[in-house]
Amino acid sequence: MATWLWILIVALALVIGLFGGFYGARRYMEKYLKENPPFDEEQLRQLMLQMGQKPSSKKLHQMMNAMKNRQGK
């Protein structure tokens, strides 16, 4: 085979691999974060206490809903 054909094959394989890897990793991370959110209510409560805020249940639910809505978009 000609050298230019090998270069073309390698370049195409590289480009396809880069795009496939990027979109595969992106889809995997979106699914992972949807199933395992980074914060739960207890962690959010501790975070608010460390920041000097007194967390009420209403405020916790508002913040959790805001985080869920932001993840959905």
PDB file of N, CA and C in Angstrom:
ATOM      1  N   MET A   1       0.836  -1.183   0.000  1.00  0.00           N
ATOM      2  CA  MET A   1       0.000   0.000   0.000  1.00  0.00           C
ATOM      3  C   MET A   1       0.878   1.242   0.000  1.00  0.00           C
ATOM      4  N   ALA A   2       0.297   2.293  -0.499  1.00  0.00           N
ATOM      5  CA  ALA A   2       1.027   3.554  -0.559  1.00  0.00           C
ATOM      6  C   ALA A   2       1.079   4.199   0.830  1.00  0.00           C
ATOM      7  N   THR A   3       2.109   4.953   1.040  1.00  0.00           N
ATOM      8  CA  THR A   3       2.308   5.607   2.334  1.00  0.00           C
ATOM      9  C   THR A   3       1.191   6.602   2.629  1.00  0.00           C
ATOM     10  N   TRP A   4       0.740   7.335   1.625  1.00  0.00           N
ATOM     11  CA  TRP A   4      -0.307   8.327   1.853  1.00  0.00           C
ATOM     12  C   TRP A   4      -1.606   7.678   2.291  1.00  0.00           C
ATOM     13  N   LEU A   5      -1.867   6.474   1.863  1.00  0.00           N
ATOM     14  CA  LEU A   5      -3.079   5.763   2.264  1.00  0.00           C
ATOM     15  C   LEU A   5      -3.006   5.370   3.743  1.00  0.00           C
ATOM     16  N   TRP A   6      -1.846   4.937   4.187  1.00  0.00           N
ATOM     17  CA  TRP A   6      -1.670   4.612   5.609  1.00  0.00           C
ATOM     18  C   TRP A   6      -1.841   5.848   6.482  1.00  0.00           C
ATOM     19  N   ILE A   7      -1.299   6.957   6.031  1.00  0.00           N
ATOM     20  CA  ILE A   7      -1.437   8.218   6.790  1.00  0.00           C
ATOM     21  C   ILE A   7      -2.901   8.613   6.875  1.00  0.00           C
ATOM     22  N   LEU A   8      -3.637   8.471   5.784  1.00  0.00           N
ATOM     23  CA  LEU A   8      -5.063   8.791   5.762  1.00  0.00           C
ATOM     24  C   LEU A   8      -5.844   7.880   6.707  1.00  0.00           C
ATOM     25  N   ILE A   9      -5.543   6.603   6.695  1.00  0.00           N
ATOM     26  CA  ILE A   9      -6.238   5.653   7.573  1.00  0.00           C
ATOM     27  C   ILE A   9      -5.970   5.977   9.040  1.00  0.00           C
ATOM     28  N   VAL A  10      -4.728   6.265   9.371  1.00  0.00           N
ATOM     29  CA  VAL A  10      -4.367   6.588  10.757  1.00  0.00           C
ATOM     30  C   VAL A  10      -5.040   7.893  11.189  1.00  0.00           C
ATOM     31  N   ALA A  11      -5.055   8.894  10.323  1.00  0.00           N
ATOM     32  CA  ALA A  11      -5.682  10.171  10.657  1.00  0.00           C
ATOM     33  C   ALA A  11      -7.183   9.999  10.878  1.00  0.00           C
ATOM     34  N   LEU A  12      -7.837   9.241  10.015  1.00  0.00           N
ATOM     35  CA  LEU A  12      -9.273   9.003  10.177  1.00  0.00           C
ATOM     36  C   LEU A  12      -9.565   8.237  11.464  1.00  0.00           C
ATOM     37  N   ALA A  13      -8.774   7.230  11.753  1.00  0.00           N
ATOM     38  CA  ALA A  13      -8.969   6.461  12.980  1.00  0.00           C
ATOM     39  C   ALA A  13      -8.783   7.346  14.213  1.00  0.00           C
ATOM     40  N   LEU A  14      -7.826   8.231  14.158  1.00  0.00           N
ATOM     41  CA  LEU A  14      -7.587   9.145  15.278  1.00  0.00           C
ATOM     42  C   LEU A  14      -8.769  10.082  15.486  1.00  0.00           C
ATOM     43  N   VAL A  15      -9.256  10.675  14.415  1.00  0.00           N
ATOM     44  CA  VAL A  15     -10.380  11.606  14.518  1.00  0.00           C
ATOM     45  C   VAL A  15     -11.632  10.882  15.015  1.00  0.00           C
ATOM     46  N   ILE A  16     -11.920   9.706  14.458  1.00  0.00           N
ATOM     47  CA  ILE A  16     -13.097   8.946  14.887  1.00  0.00           C
ATOM     48  C   ILE A  16     -12.957   8.527  16.355  1.00  0.00           C
ATOM     49  N   GLY A  17     -11.784   8.122  16.749  1.00  0.00           N
ATOM     50  CA  GLY A  17     -11.549   7.739  18.141  1.00  0.00           C
ATOM     51  C   GLY A  17     -11.707   8.901  19.101  1.00  0.00           C
ATOM     52  N   LEU A  18     -11.225  10.078  18.712  1.00  0.00           N
ATOM     53  CA  LEU A  18     -11.361  11.247  19.576  1.00  0.00           C
ATOM     54  C   LEU A  18     -12.819  11.631  19.771  1.00  0.00           C
ATOM     55  N   PHE A  19     -13.562  11.713  18.667  1.00  0.00           N
ATOM     56  CA  PHE A  19     -14.972  12.082  18.787  1.00  0.00           C
ATOM     57  C   PHE A  19     -15.776  11.011  19.516  1.00  0.00           C
ATOM     58  N   GLY A  20     -15.534   9.758  19.203  1.00  0.00           N
ATOM     59  CA  GLY A  20     -16.242   8.680  19.880  1.00  0.00           C
ATOM     60  C   GLY A  20     -15.938   8.626  21.362  1.00  0.00           C
ATOM     61  N   GLY A  21     -14.683   8.806  21.721  1.00  0.00           N
ATOM     62  CA  GLY A  21     -14.299   8.804  23.129  1.00  0.00           C
ATOM     63  C   GLY A  21     -14.888   9.970  23.889  1.00  0.00           C
ATOM     64  N   PHE A  22     -14.896  11.139  23.261  1.00  0.00           N
ATOM     65  CA  PHE A  22     -15.445  12.325  23.917  1.00  0.00           C
ATOM     66  C   PHE A  22     -16.935  12.151  24.192  1.00  0.00           C
ATOM     67  N   TYR A  23     -17.693  11.768  23.169  1.00  0.00           N
ATOM     68  CA  TYR A  23     -19.131  11.636  23.353  1.00  0.00           C
ATOM     69  C   TYR A  23     -19.489  10.449  24.247  1.00  0.00           C
ATOM     70  N   GLY A  24     -18.736   9.388  24.183  1.00  0.00           N
ATOM     71  CA  GLY A  24     -18.980   8.262  25.081  1.00  0.00           C
ATOM     72  C   GLY A  24     -18.732   8.636  26.536  1.00  0.00           C
ATOM     73  N   ALA A  25     -17.642   9.339  26.802  1.00  0.00           N
ATOM     74  CA  ALA A  25     -17.333   9.766  28.170  1.00  0.00           C
ATOM     75  C   ALA A  25     -18.359  10.782  28.671  1.00  0.00           C
ATOM     76  N   ARG A  26     -18.783  11.662  27.777  1.00  0.00           N
ATOM     77  CA  ARG A  26     -19.780  12.668  28.157  1.00  0.00           C
ATOM     78  C   ARG A  26     -21.095  11.999  28.540  1.00  0.00           C
ATOM     79  N   ARG A  27     -21.555  11.062  27.731  1.00  0.00           N
ATOM     80  CA  ARG A  27     -22.804  10.358  28.010  1.00  0.00           C
ATOM     81  C   ARG A  27     -22.694   9.568  29.313  1.00  0.00           C
ATOM     82  N   TYR A  28     -21.550   8.927  29.542  1.00  0.00           N
ATOM     83  CA  TYR A  28     -21.340   8.158  30.770  1.00  0.00           C
ATOM     84  C   TYR A  28     -21.408   9.068  32.001  1.00  0.00           C
ATOM     85  N   MET A  29     -20.758  10.222  31.938  1.00  0.00           N
ATOM     86  CA  MET A  29     -20.748  11.131  33.090  1.00  0.00           C
ATOM     87  C   MET A  29     -22.133  11.717  33.351  1.00  0.00           C
ATOM     88  N   GLU A  30     -22.878  12.050  32.298  1.00  0.00           N
ATOM     89  CA  GLU A  30     -24.232  12.558  32.494  1.00  0.00           C
ATOM     90  C   GLU A  30     -25.105  11.520  33.188  1.00  0.00           C
ATOM     91  N   LYS A  31     -24.994  10.278  32.760  1.00  0.00           N
ATOM     92  CA  LYS A  31     -25.766   9.195  33.374  1.00  0.00           C
ATOM     93  C   LYS A  31     -25.339   8.982  34.827  1.00  0.00           C
ATOM     94  N   TYR A  32     -24.035   9.004  35.068  1.00  0.00           N
ATOM     95  CA  TYR A  32     -23.512   8.803  36.429  1.00  0.00           C
ATOM     96  C   TYR A  32     -23.995   9.898  37.373  1.00  0.00           C
ATOM     97  N   LEU A  33     -23.929  11.164  36.923  1.00  0.00           N
ATOM     98  CA  LEU A  33     -24.345  12.262  37.784  1.00  0.00           C
ATOM     99  C   LEU A  33     -25.855  12.274  37.998  1.00  0.00           C
ATOM    100  N   LYS A  34     -26.598  11.787  37.025  1.00  0.00           N
ATOM    101  CA  LYS A  34     -28.042  11.713  37.196  1.00  0.00           C
ATOM    102  C   LYS A  34     -28.396  10.658  38.245  1.00  0.00           C
ATOM    103  N   GLU A  35     -27.709   9.534  38.219  1.00  0.00           N
ATOM    104  CA  GLU A  35     -27.981   8.457  39.175  1.00  0.00           C
ATOM    105  C   GLU A  35     -27.370   8.730  40.540  1.00  0.00           C
ATOM    106  N   ASN A  36     -26.240   9.417  40.609  1.00  0.00           N
ATOM    107  CA  ASN A  36     -25.533   9.698  41.858  1.00  0.00           C
ATOM    108  C   ASN A  36     -25.273  11.196  41.974  1.00  0.00           C
ATOM    109  N   PRO A  37     -26.269  11.950  42.447  1.00  0.00           N
ATOM    110  CA  PRO A  37     -26.063  13.400  42.539  1.00  0.00           C
ATOM    111  C   PRO A  37     -24.911  13.733  43.481  1.00  0.00           C
ATOM    112  N   PRO A  38     -24.211  14.826  43.204  1.00  0.00           N
ATOM    113  CA  PRO A  38     -23.036  15.158  44.006  1.00  0.00           C
ATOM    114  C   PRO A  38     -23.358  15.531  45.458  1.00  0.00           C
ATOM    115  N   PHE A  39     -24.572  16.012  45.727  1.00  0.00           N
ATOM    116  CA  PHE A  39     -24.943  16.402  47.092  1.00  0.00           C
ATOM    117  C   PHE A  39     -26.268  15.757  47.460  1.00  0.00           C
ATOM    118  N   ASP A  40     -26.370  15.337  48.716  1.00  0.00           N
ATOM    119  CA  ASP A  40     -27.672  14.955  49.234  1.00  0.00           C
ATOM    120  C   ASP A  40     -28.031  15.976  50.320  1.00  0.00           C
ATOM    121  N   GLU A  41     -29.183  15.819  50.929  1.00  0.00           N
ATOM    122  CA  GLU A  41     -29.648  16.841  51.873  1.00  0.00           C
ATOM    123  C   GLU A  41     -28.745  16.960  53.097  1.00  0.00           C
ATOM    124  N   GLU A  42     -28.230  15.850  53.569  1.00  0.00           N
ATOM    125  CA  GLU A  42     -27.361  15.899  54.758  1.00  0.00           C
ATOM    126  C   GLU A  42     -26.057  16.640  54.453  1.00  0.00           C
ATOM    127  N   GLN A  43     -25.474  16.386  53.295  1.00  0.00           N
ATOM    128  CA  GLN A  43     -24.246  17.089  52.916  1.00  0.00           C
ATOM    129  C   GLN A  43     -24.518  18.581  52.740  1.00  0.00           C
ATOM    130  N   LEU A  44     -25.665  18.920  52.166  1.00  0.00           N
ATOM    131  CA  LEU A  44     -26.028  20.318  51.985  1.00  0.00           C
ATOM    132  C   LEU A  44     -26.237  21.004  53.331  1.00  0.00           C
ATOM    133  N   ARG A  45     -26.828  20.267  54.272  1.00  0.00           N
ATOM    134  CA  ARG A  45     -27.032  20.817  55.621  1.00  0.00           C
ATOM    135  C   ARG A  45     -25.684  21.117  56.286  1.00  0.00           C
ATOM    136  N   GLN A  46     -24.748  20.185  56.184  1.00  0.00           N
ATOM    137  CA  GLN A  46     -23.423  20.392  56.768  1.00  0.00           C
ATOM    138  C   GLN A  46     -22.704  21.572  56.111  1.00  0.00           C
ATOM    139  N   LEU A  47     -22.851  21.685  54.808  1.00  0.00           N
ATOM    140  CA  LEU A  47     -22.222  22.793  54.083  1.00  0.00           C
ATOM    141  C   LEU A  47     -22.778  24.132  54.551  1.00  0.00           C
ATOM    142  N   MET A  48     -24.088  24.202  54.724  1.00  0.00           N
ATOM    143  CA  MET A  48     -24.703  25.450  55.186  1.00  0.00           C
ATOM    144  C   MET A  48     -24.282  25.780  56.611  1.00  0.00           C
ATOM    145  N   LEU A  49     -24.169  24.763  57.455  1.00  0.00           N
ATOM    146  CA  LEU A  49     -23.715  24.997  58.824  1.00  0.00           C
ATOM    147  C   LEU A  49     -22.276  25.519  58.844  1.00  0.00           C
ATOM    148  N   GLN A  50     -21.426  24.988  57.976  1.00  0.00           N
ATOM    149  CA  GLN A  50     -20.043  25.450  57.911  1.00  0.00           C
ATOM    150  C   GLN A  50     -19.959  26.884  57.414  1.00  0.00           C
ATOM    151  N   MET A  51     -20.923  27.294  56.572  1.00  0.00           N
ATOM    152  CA  MET A  51     -20.929  28.670  56.065  1.00  0.00           C
ATOM    153  C   MET A  51     -21.582  29.633  57.050  1.00  0.00           C
ATOM    154  N   GLY A  52     -22.073  29.109  58.168  1.00  0.00           N
ATOM    155  CA  GLY A  52     -22.649  29.973  59.188  1.00  0.00           C
ATOM    156  C   GLY A  52     -24.136  30.221  59.006  1.00  0.00           C
ATOM    157  N   GLN A  53     -24.799  29.451  58.190  1.00  0.00           N
ATOM    158  CA  GLN A  53     -26.240  29.606  57.988  1.00  0.00           C
ATOM    159  C   GLN A  53     -26.972  28.520  58.771  1.00  0.00           C
ATOM    160  N   LYS A  54     -28.143  28.894  59.268  1.00  0.00           N
ATOM    161  CA  LYS A  54     -28.955  27.891  59.953  1.00  0.00           C
ATOM    162  C   LYS A  54     -29.925  27.312  58.928  1.00  0.00           C
ATOM    163  N   PRO A  55     -29.737  26.048  58.565  1.00  0.00           N
ATOM    164  CA  PRO A  55     -30.567  25.471  57.500  1.00  0.00           C
ATOM    165  C   PRO A  55     -31.947  25.046  58.001  1.00  0.00           C
ATOM    166  N   SER A  56     -32.986  25.598  57.410  1.00  0.00           N
ATOM    167  CA  SER A  56     -34.339  25.117  57.687  1.00  0.00           C
ATOM    168  C   SER A  56     -34.690  24.080  56.624  1.00  0.00           C
ATOM    169  N   SER A  57     -35.684  23.264  56.918  1.00  0.00           N
ATOM    170  CA  SER A  57     -36.045  22.228  55.946  1.00  0.00           C
ATOM    171  C   SER A  57     -36.582  22.853  54.663  1.00  0.00           C
ATOM    172  N   LYS A  58     -37.272  23.981  54.767  1.00  0.00           N
ATOM    173  CA  LYS A  58     -37.790  24.652  53.578  1.00  0.00           C
ATOM    174  C   LYS A  58     -36.641  25.129  52.688  1.00  0.00           C
ATOM    175  N   LYS A  59     -35.637  25.705  53.308  1.00  0.00           N
ATOM    176  CA  LYS A  59     -34.484  26.208  52.552  1.00  0.00           C
ATOM    177  C   LYS A  59     -33.707  25.056  51.904  1.00  0.00           C
ATOM    178  N   LEU A  60     -33.566  23.948  52.635  1.00  0.00           N
ATOM    179  CA  LEU A  60     -32.880  22.777  52.079  1.00  0.00           C
ATOM    180  C   LEU A  60     -33.618  22.231  50.862  1.00  0.00           C
ATOM    181  N   HIS A  61     -34.948  22.137  50.973  1.00  0.00           N
ATOM    182  CA  HIS A  61     -35.725  21.624  49.844  1.00  0.00           C
ATOM    183  C   HIS A  61     -35.642  22.566  48.640  1.00  0.00           C
ATOM    184  N   GLN A  62     -35.651  23.875  48.900  1.00  0.00           N
ATOM    185  CA  GLN A  62     -35.526  24.838  47.806  1.00  0.00           C
ATOM    186  C   GLN A  62     -34.187  24.686  47.096  1.00  0.00           C
ATOM    187  N   MET A  63     -33.129  24.542  47.870  1.00  0.00           N
ATOM    188  CA  MET A  63     -31.800  24.406  47.264  1.00  0.00           C
ATOM    189  C   MET A  63     -31.666  23.074  46.518  1.00  0.00           C
ATOM    190  N   MET A  64     -32.216  22.000  47.070  1.00  0.00           N
ATOM    191  CA  MET A  64     -32.158  20.710  46.380  1.00  0.00           C
ATOM    192  C   MET A  64     -32.943  20.755  45.070  1.00  0.00           C
ATOM    193  N   ASN A  65     -34.127  21.370  45.094  1.00  0.00           N
ATOM    194  CA  ASN A  65     -34.915  21.486  43.869  1.00  0.00           C
ATOM    195  C   ASN A  65     -34.201  22.353  42.837  1.00  0.00           C
ATOM    196  N   ALA A  66     -33.557  23.422  43.283  1.00  0.00           N
ATOM    197  CA  ALA A  66     -32.812  24.282  42.360  1.00  0.00           C
ATOM    198  C   ALA A  66     -31.652  23.516  41.726  1.00  0.00           C
ATOM    199  N   MET A  67     -30.971  22.692  42.518  1.00  0.00           N
ATOM    200  CA  MET A  67     -29.865  21.903  41.981  1.00  0.00           C
ATOM    201  C   MET A  67     -30.373  20.849  40.996  1.00  0.00           C
ATOM    202  N   LYS A  68     -31.508  20.217  41.298  1.00  0.00           N
ATOM    203  CA  LYS A  68     -32.071  19.220  40.392  1.00  0.00           C
ATOM    204  C   LYS A  68     -32.519  19.855  39.086  1.00  0.00           C
ATOM    205  N   ASN A  69     -33.139  21.039  39.180  1.00  0.00           N
ATOM    206  CA  ASN A  69     -33.572  21.737  37.965  1.00  0.00           C
ATOM    207  C   ASN A  69     -32.376  22.141  37.116  1.00  0.00           C
ATOM    208  N   ARG A  70     -31.332  22.558  37.748  1.00  0.00           N
ATOM    209  CA  ARG A  70     -30.135  22.969  36.998  1.00  0.00           C
ATOM    210  C   ARG A  70     -29.479  21.771  36.307  1.00  0.00           C
ATOM    211  N   GLN A  71     -29.481  20.606  36.946  1.00  0.00           N
ATOM    212  CA  GLN A  71     -28.919  19.412  36.344  1.00  0.00           C
ATOM    213  C   GLN A  71     -29.754  18.952  35.165  1.00  0.00           C
ATOM    214  N   GLY A  72     -31.075  19.148  35.250  1.00  0.00           N
ATOM    215  CA  GLY A  72     -31.951  18.708  34.177  1.00  0.00           C
ATOM    216  C   GLY A  72     -31.787  19.519  32.898  1.00  0.00           C
ATOM    217  N   LYS A  73     -31.330  20.738  33.020  1.00  0.00           N
ATOM    218  CA  LYS A  73     -31.172  21.604  31.845  1.00  0.00           C
ATOM    219  C   LYS A  73     -29.897  21.358  31.196  1.00  0.00           C
TER     220      LYS A  73
END
